Amino acid sequence: QHLPDEETRLLMPLALEVKKTSAEEDQRSWFQGLLLKSSGIAYENALVVVRCTATFDNSEAGGCSGLFVVSLSTKGIGPAFASVNMKCHNPDRVGMSLKASPIEPDESTRGEGNTFAMIRQRVEVSLVTKVDAAPRVTAELSIGNGSRPPRNVAISFHLPVTLIKFMNPLELPAAEFDQWWTSSIGRPSRATVDVAHLSDTAVVQRLGYGGSLHVMTEPSAERWRDKGGAVFRAVGLLPRHGTMAFEVAVFVKLDTRGSSRSDLEVRCNTKSSDDTVAQICCRNLIDVLGRFPLQ
């Protein structure tokens, strides 16, 4: 019997561990990426790729608003959109208003029979109070290449809109953070997440939520380092907007000192928000920390 050489034998276990990413994990990965960056892939399959670019204006003058440019492109040379039906669903109309513009074809990608290989849609959002659910886009696409009957494809993805995306980072000295933390009067929101697979650098990037929160890495992470983990702290400010006539400071602690289970806690400096701001922000952070929240 022929035995594999040493190099092949060492690589075999790695090959066996490679598993195809499920559709649910793909969706989560794309959504995480969009929350942490201003642009990226929102959806992709064998026929089409959807990219999204986001811009937020979190000033009081801007009223906590966001603009999203969603671009759909066919893959390969030849296929084009014969017909497109897109809808933007806003599951939290109380917390946020949403307005989608008509679909715009990219004239430079015009094909036969008035078809286009790329189309775009602009979506405007405005925070009213405390948004608690991300908008979802559904699209029914007919894709053809002129020589074959068009293929009908249905896709669905979420826009990177969460309450934390409307916040501004607030820089505080460590001592002032601790003072605010102990004096916060709102009810804290807590969760347990799995961040064992993340480096400290990755934890800092995810806690920062694409620049919405200020993460205190010096001296807090080093000073609190113990038992192979650390305590990370982050803070952000939700401006006055819509029906909220006051600003809310949000404080976050993530304790990674306990093996694979890390404790996440979020507090606010006021209970006027009915404690829901802390609860929503805790769920938002779970979306970017770890693979899935622990039950």
Protein backbone atom coordinates (compact mmCIF):
# COMPACT_ATOMS: atom_id res chain seq x y z
CA GLN A 1 0.00 0.00 0.00
CA HIS A 2 1.31 3.42 -0.99
CA LEU A 3 1.59 5.80 1.96
CA PRO A 4 1.49 9.59 1.48
CA ASP A 5 4.72 11.49 1.92
CA GLU A 6 5.32 13.60 5.01
CA GLU A 7 4.17 16.88 3.43
CA THR A 8 0.94 15.36 2.11
CA ARG A 9 0.25 13.65 5.43
CA LEU A 10 0.59 16.92 7.32
CA LEU A 11 -1.78 18.70 4.95
CA MET A 12 -4.48 16.04 5.02
CA PRO A 13 -6.02 17.04 8.37
CA LEU A 14 -6.32 20.63 7.17
CA ALA A 15 -8.12 19.54 4.02
CA LEU A 16 -10.54 17.44 6.03
CA GLU A 17 -11.37 20.41 8.25
CA VAL A 18 -12.35 22.65 5.35
CA LYS A 19 -16.13 22.90 5.19
CA LYS A 20 -18.31 24.76 2.76
CA THR A 21 -19.71 27.92 4.31
CA SER A 22 -23.46 27.74 4.77
CA ALA A 23 -25.77 30.40 3.34
CA GLU A 24 -26.60 31.60 6.85
CA GLU A 25 -22.91 32.05 7.72
CA ASP A 26 -22.35 33.87 4.41
CA GLN A 27 -25.15 36.29 5.20
CA ARG A 28 -23.77 36.91 8.67
CA SER A 29 -20.25 37.45 7.36
CA TRP A 30 -21.39 39.95 4.71
CA PHE A 31 -23.52 41.84 7.23
CA GLN A 32 -20.63 41.98 9.73
CA GLY A 33 -18.30 43.30 7.05
CA LEU A 34 -20.69 46.06 6.03
CA LEU A 35 -21.17 47.14 9.65
CA LEU A 36 -17.41 47.49 10.11
CA LYS A 37 -16.59 49.10 6.74
CA SER A 38 -18.16 51.78 4.60
CA SER A 39 -18.48 49.49 1.59
CA GLY A 40 -18.42 45.81 0.70
CA ILE A 41 -20.38 42.83 -0.58
CA ALA A 42 -23.94 42.53 0.64
CA TYR A 43 -24.83 39.37 -1.32
CA GLU A 44 -23.25 37.03 -3.85
CA ASN A 45 -24.11 33.85 -5.74
CA ALA A 46 -23.04 32.20 -8.98
CA LEU A 47 -24.91 34.72 -11.15
CA VAL A 48 -24.92 38.07 -9.38
CA VAL A 49 -22.96 40.12 -6.85
CA VAL A 50 -24.44 42.94 -4.77
CA ARG A 51 -22.22 45.69 -3.37
CA CYS A 52 -23.22 48.37 -0.91
CA THR A 53 -21.64 51.71 -0.02
CA ALA A 54 -22.83 53.50 3.12
CA THR A 55 -22.45 57.11 4.28
CA PHE A 56 -23.74 58.38 7.63
CA ASP A 57 -24.27 61.94 8.85
CA ASN A 58 -24.49 61.71 12.65
CA SER A 59 -24.42 65.43 13.34
CA GLU A 60 -27.41 67.17 14.89
CA ALA A 61 -27.70 69.22 11.70
CA GLY A 62 -27.75 66.01 9.66
CA GLY A 63 -30.40 64.55 11.93
CA CYS A 64 -28.75 61.12 12.16
CA SER A 65 -29.22 60.06 8.55
CA GLY A 66 -27.68 57.55 6.20
CA LEU A 67 -27.33 57.07 2.45
CA PHE A 68 -26.80 53.67 0.82
CA VAL A 69 -25.88 53.01 -2.78
CA VAL A 70 -26.70 49.42 -3.71
CA SER A 71 -25.14 48.09 -6.94
CA LEU A 72 -26.17 44.80 -8.59
CA SER A 73 -23.88 43.30 -11.22
CA THR A 74 -24.10 40.13 -13.26
CA LYS A 75 -21.10 37.80 -13.33
CA GLY A 76 -19.19 36.91 -16.46
CA ILE A 77 -19.27 38.39 -19.95
CA GLY A 78 -22.64 38.47 -21.67
CA PRO A 79 -25.30 37.96 -18.98
CA ALA A 80 -27.41 41.05 -18.22
CA PHE A 81 -30.54 41.97 -16.30
CA ALA A 82 -33.61 41.51 -18.47
CA SER A 83 -35.90 42.66 -15.65
CA VAL A 84 -35.49 43.71 -12.01
CA ASN A 85 -38.02 44.08 -9.22
CA MET A 86 -36.48 45.39 -5.98
CA LYS A 87 -38.19 46.21 -2.69
CA CYS A 88 -36.81 47.73 0.52
CA HIS A 89 -38.52 46.51 3.66
CA ASN A 90 -38.36 48.58 6.86
CA PRO A 91 -39.44 46.37 9.79
CA ASP A 92 -39.04 49.24 12.29
CA ARG A 93 -40.97 52.17 10.88
CA VAL A 94 -41.36 53.67 14.34
CA GLY A 95 -37.59 53.86 14.88
CA MET A 96 -36.48 54.91 11.40
CA SER A 97 -37.83 56.27 8.14
CA LEU A 98 -36.66 54.83 4.80
CA LYS A 99 -36.91 56.12 1.24
CA ALA A 100 -35.74 54.17 -1.81
CA SER A 101 -35.15 55.91 -5.13
CA PRO A 102 -36.02 54.38 -8.52
CA ILE A 103 -33.57 51.85 -9.98
CA GLU A 104 -30.89 53.42 -12.19
CA PRO A 105 -29.21 51.34 -14.94
CA ASP A 106 -25.52 51.86 -15.62
CA GLU A 107 -25.50 53.05 -19.24
CA SER A 108 -21.92 51.88 -19.75
CA THR A 109 -23.10 48.27 -19.28
CA ARG A 110 -25.96 48.40 -21.81
CA GLY A 111 -26.37 45.17 -23.76
CA GLU A 112 -28.70 43.74 -26.38
CA GLY A 113 -32.41 44.37 -26.12
CA ASN A 114 -32.11 47.27 -23.67
CA THR A 115 -30.54 45.11 -20.98
CA PHE A 116 -27.90 46.17 -18.46
CA ALA A 117 -25.15 44.27 -16.63
CA MET A 118 -25.19 46.70 -13.69
CA ILE A 119 -27.96 48.60 -11.93
CA ARG A 120 -28.01 50.84 -8.87
CA GLN A 121 -30.47 51.99 -6.25
CA ARG A 122 -30.10 54.69 -3.61
CA VAL A 123 -31.70 54.24 -0.20
CA GLU A 124 -31.99 57.07 2.33
CA VAL A 125 -32.65 56.43 6.02
CA SER A 126 -33.32 58.81 8.90
CA LEU A 127 -33.36 57.91 12.59
CA VAL A 128 -36.61 58.82 14.33
CA THR A 129 -36.10 57.29 17.76
CA LYS A 130 -34.33 53.94 18.43
CA VAL A 131 -34.13 51.61 15.43
CA ASP A 132 -34.18 47.95 16.46
CA ALA A 133 -34.17 46.04 13.15
CA ALA A 134 -32.07 46.35 10.00
CA PRO A 135 -33.86 47.04 6.69
CA ARG A 136 -34.05 44.13 4.27
CA VAL A 137 -33.84 44.28 0.48
CA THR A 138 -35.50 41.64 -1.68
CA ALA A 139 -35.06 41.40 -5.43
CA GLU A 140 -36.57 39.28 -8.19
CA LEU A 141 -34.14 39.21 -11.10
CA SER A 142 -34.36 37.92 -14.65
CA ILE A 143 -30.86 37.32 -16.05
CA GLY A 144 -30.10 36.38 -19.66
CA ASN A 145 -27.34 36.55 -22.28
CA GLY A 146 -29.35 36.88 -25.49
CA SER A 147 -28.83 33.32 -26.75
CA ARG A 148 -30.59 31.47 -23.89
CA PRO A 149 -33.87 31.96 -22.06
CA PRO A 150 -33.40 34.24 -19.02
CA ARG A 151 -33.00 32.71 -15.57
CA ASN A 152 -35.14 33.95 -12.71
CA VAL A 153 -33.31 34.55 -9.43
CA ALA A 154 -34.64 35.72 -6.05
CA ILE A 155 -32.20 37.25 -3.55
CA SER A 156 -32.42 38.86 -0.12
CA PHE A 157 -29.96 40.78 2.05
CA HIS A 158 -29.85 43.34 4.87
CA LEU A 159 -28.63 46.92 4.78
CA PRO A 160 -26.02 47.76 7.44
CA VAL A 161 -28.29 49.92 9.59
CA THR A 162 -28.20 49.56 13.38
CA LEU A 163 -28.55 52.03 16.24
CA ILE A 164 -24.78 52.09 16.89
CA LYS A 165 -24.14 53.21 13.28
CA PHE A 166 -25.77 56.53 14.21
CA MET A 167 -23.35 57.13 17.11
CA ASN A 168 -20.18 59.19 17.33
CA PRO A 169 -17.05 58.01 19.18
CA LEU A 170 -16.49 59.74 22.52
CA GLU A 171 -12.92 59.89 23.78
CA LEU A 172 -12.59 59.71 27.55
CA PRO A 173 -9.66 59.10 29.91
CA ALA A 174 -9.79 55.71 31.59
CA ALA A 175 -10.51 57.23 35.00
CA GLU A 176 -13.42 59.26 33.62
CA PHE A 177 -14.84 56.20 31.89
CA ASP A 178 -14.78 54.29 35.19
CA GLN A 179 -16.50 57.20 36.94
CA TRP A 180 -19.26 57.28 34.36
CA TRP A 181 -19.54 53.49 34.51
CA THR A 182 -20.21 53.42 38.24
CA SER A 183 -22.58 56.39 38.11
CA SER A 184 -24.73 55.29 35.16
CA ILE A 185 -28.30 54.98 36.34
CA GLY A 186 -29.88 53.04 33.52
CA ARG A 187 -30.40 49.29 33.72
CA PRO A 188 -27.37 47.52 32.16
CA SER A 189 -27.77 45.00 29.35
CA ARG A 190 -25.59 41.87 29.47
CA ALA A 191 -24.74 38.98 27.15
CA THR A 192 -22.18 36.20 26.77
CA VAL A 193 -20.34 35.92 23.46
CA ASP A 194 -17.65 33.72 21.96
CA VAL A 195 -14.58 35.72 20.91
CA ALA A 196 -11.97 33.03 21.55
CA HIS A 197 -11.18 32.87 17.83
CA LEU A 198 -10.43 36.62 17.64
CA SER A 199 -7.13 38.35 18.34
CA ASP A 200 -7.04 41.43 20.59
CA THR A 201 -6.64 43.57 17.47
CA ALA A 202 -9.74 42.03 15.89
CA VAL A 203 -11.71 42.57 19.13
CA VAL A 204 -10.73 46.26 19.12
CA GLN A 205 -11.78 46.61 15.46
CA ARG A 206 -15.15 45.01 16.06
CA LEU A 207 -15.88 46.90 19.27
CA GLY A 208 -15.13 50.11 17.38
CA TYR A 209 -18.01 49.25 15.05
CA GLY A 210 -16.48 50.95 12.04
CA GLY A 211 -15.59 54.12 13.96
CA SER A 212 -18.90 54.59 15.79
CA LEU A 213 -17.40 53.78 19.22
CA HIS A 214 -14.09 54.84 20.75
CA VAL A 215 -12.25 51.77 22.06
CA MET A 216 -9.85 52.31 24.93
CA THR A 217 -6.84 50.09 24.31
CA GLU A 218 -4.28 52.04 26.33
CA PRO A 219 -3.86 51.60 29.15
CA SER A 220 -7.08 49.67 29.80
CA ALA A 221 -6.45 46.48 27.80
CA GLU A 222 -2.88 46.11 29.04
CA ARG A 223 -3.63 47.16 32.59
CA TRP A 224 -6.49 44.70 32.91
CA ARG A 225 -4.70 41.89 31.13
CA ASP A 226 -4.99 38.75 33.24
CA LYS A 227 -5.48 35.01 32.75
CA GLY A 228 -4.82 35.25 29.01
CA GLY A 229 -7.54 37.82 28.43
CA ALA A 230 -8.35 41.49 28.88
CA VAL A 231 -11.10 43.96 29.71
CA PHE A 232 -11.88 46.21 26.76
CA ARG A 233 -13.85 49.42 27.13
CA ALA A 234 -15.64 51.51 24.50
CA VAL A 235 -17.87 54.57 24.53
CA GLY A 236 -20.05 56.41 22.03
CA LEU A 237 -22.57 59.24 21.94
CA LEU A 238 -26.00 59.06 20.32
CA PRO A 239 -26.87 62.64 19.25
CA ARG A 240 -30.23 64.30 19.66
CA HIS A 241 -32.44 63.41 16.73
CA GLY A 242 -36.03 62.93 15.63
CA THR A 243 -38.23 62.47 18.69
CA MET A 244 -35.25 62.15 21.07
CA ALA A 245 -34.57 65.60 22.56
CA PHE A 246 -31.50 64.47 24.49
CA GLU A 247 -28.19 62.79 23.72
CA VAL A 248 -27.26 59.45 25.26
CA ALA A 249 -23.77 58.25 26.14
CA VAL A 250 -23.26 54.50 25.77
CA PHE A 251 -20.54 52.64 27.70
CA VAL A 252 -19.35 49.14 26.82
CA LYS A 253 -17.19 46.60 28.63
CA LEU A 254 -16.04 43.29 27.21
CA ASP A 255 -14.26 40.92 29.60
CA THR A 256 -12.37 38.21 27.71
CA ARG A 257 -10.63 36.70 30.74
CA GLY A 258 -12.89 33.66 30.93
CA SER A 259 -11.79 30.90 28.47
CA SER A 260 -14.20 30.86 25.48
CA ARG A 261 -16.98 32.75 27.26
CA SER A 262 -16.63 36.52 27.30
CA ASP A 263 -18.93 38.84 29.21
CA LEU A 264 -20.38 41.81 27.35
CA GLU A 265 -22.08 44.63 29.28
CA VAL A 266 -23.60 47.87 28.00
CA ARG A 267 -24.74 50.83 30.12
CA CYS A 268 -26.14 54.30 29.42
CA ASN A 269 -25.74 57.54 31.35
CA THR A 270 -29.48 58.06 31.57
CA LYS A 271 -32.61 56.00 32.09
CA SER A 272 -34.73 58.48 30.15
CA SER A 273 -34.26 56.18 27.17
CA ASP A 274 -36.22 53.51 29.06
CA ASP A 275 -33.11 51.29 29.06
CA THR A 276 -33.85 50.19 25.50
CA VAL A 277 -30.78 51.95 24.09
CA ALA A 278 -28.47 49.70 26.13
CA GLN A 279 -30.47 46.62 25.14
CA ILE A 280 -30.41 47.45 21.45
CA CYS A 281 -26.70 48.33 21.47
CA CYS A 282 -25.92 45.05 23.20
CA ARG A 283 -27.69 43.16 20.41
CA ASN A 284 -25.88 45.29 17.80
CA LEU A 285 -22.50 44.35 19.29
CA ILE A 286 -23.43 40.67 19.31
CA ASP A 287 -23.87 41.01 15.53
CA VAL A 288 -20.15 41.78 15.09
CA LEU A 289 -18.58 39.90 18.00
CA GLY A 290 -17.92 36.20 17.65
CA ARG A 291 -19.66 33.65 15.51
CA PHE A 292 -22.94 33.37 17.37
CA PRO A 293 -24.08 34.46 20.84
CA LEU A 294 -23.98 31.71 23.46
CA GLN A 295 -27.32 30.50 24.75
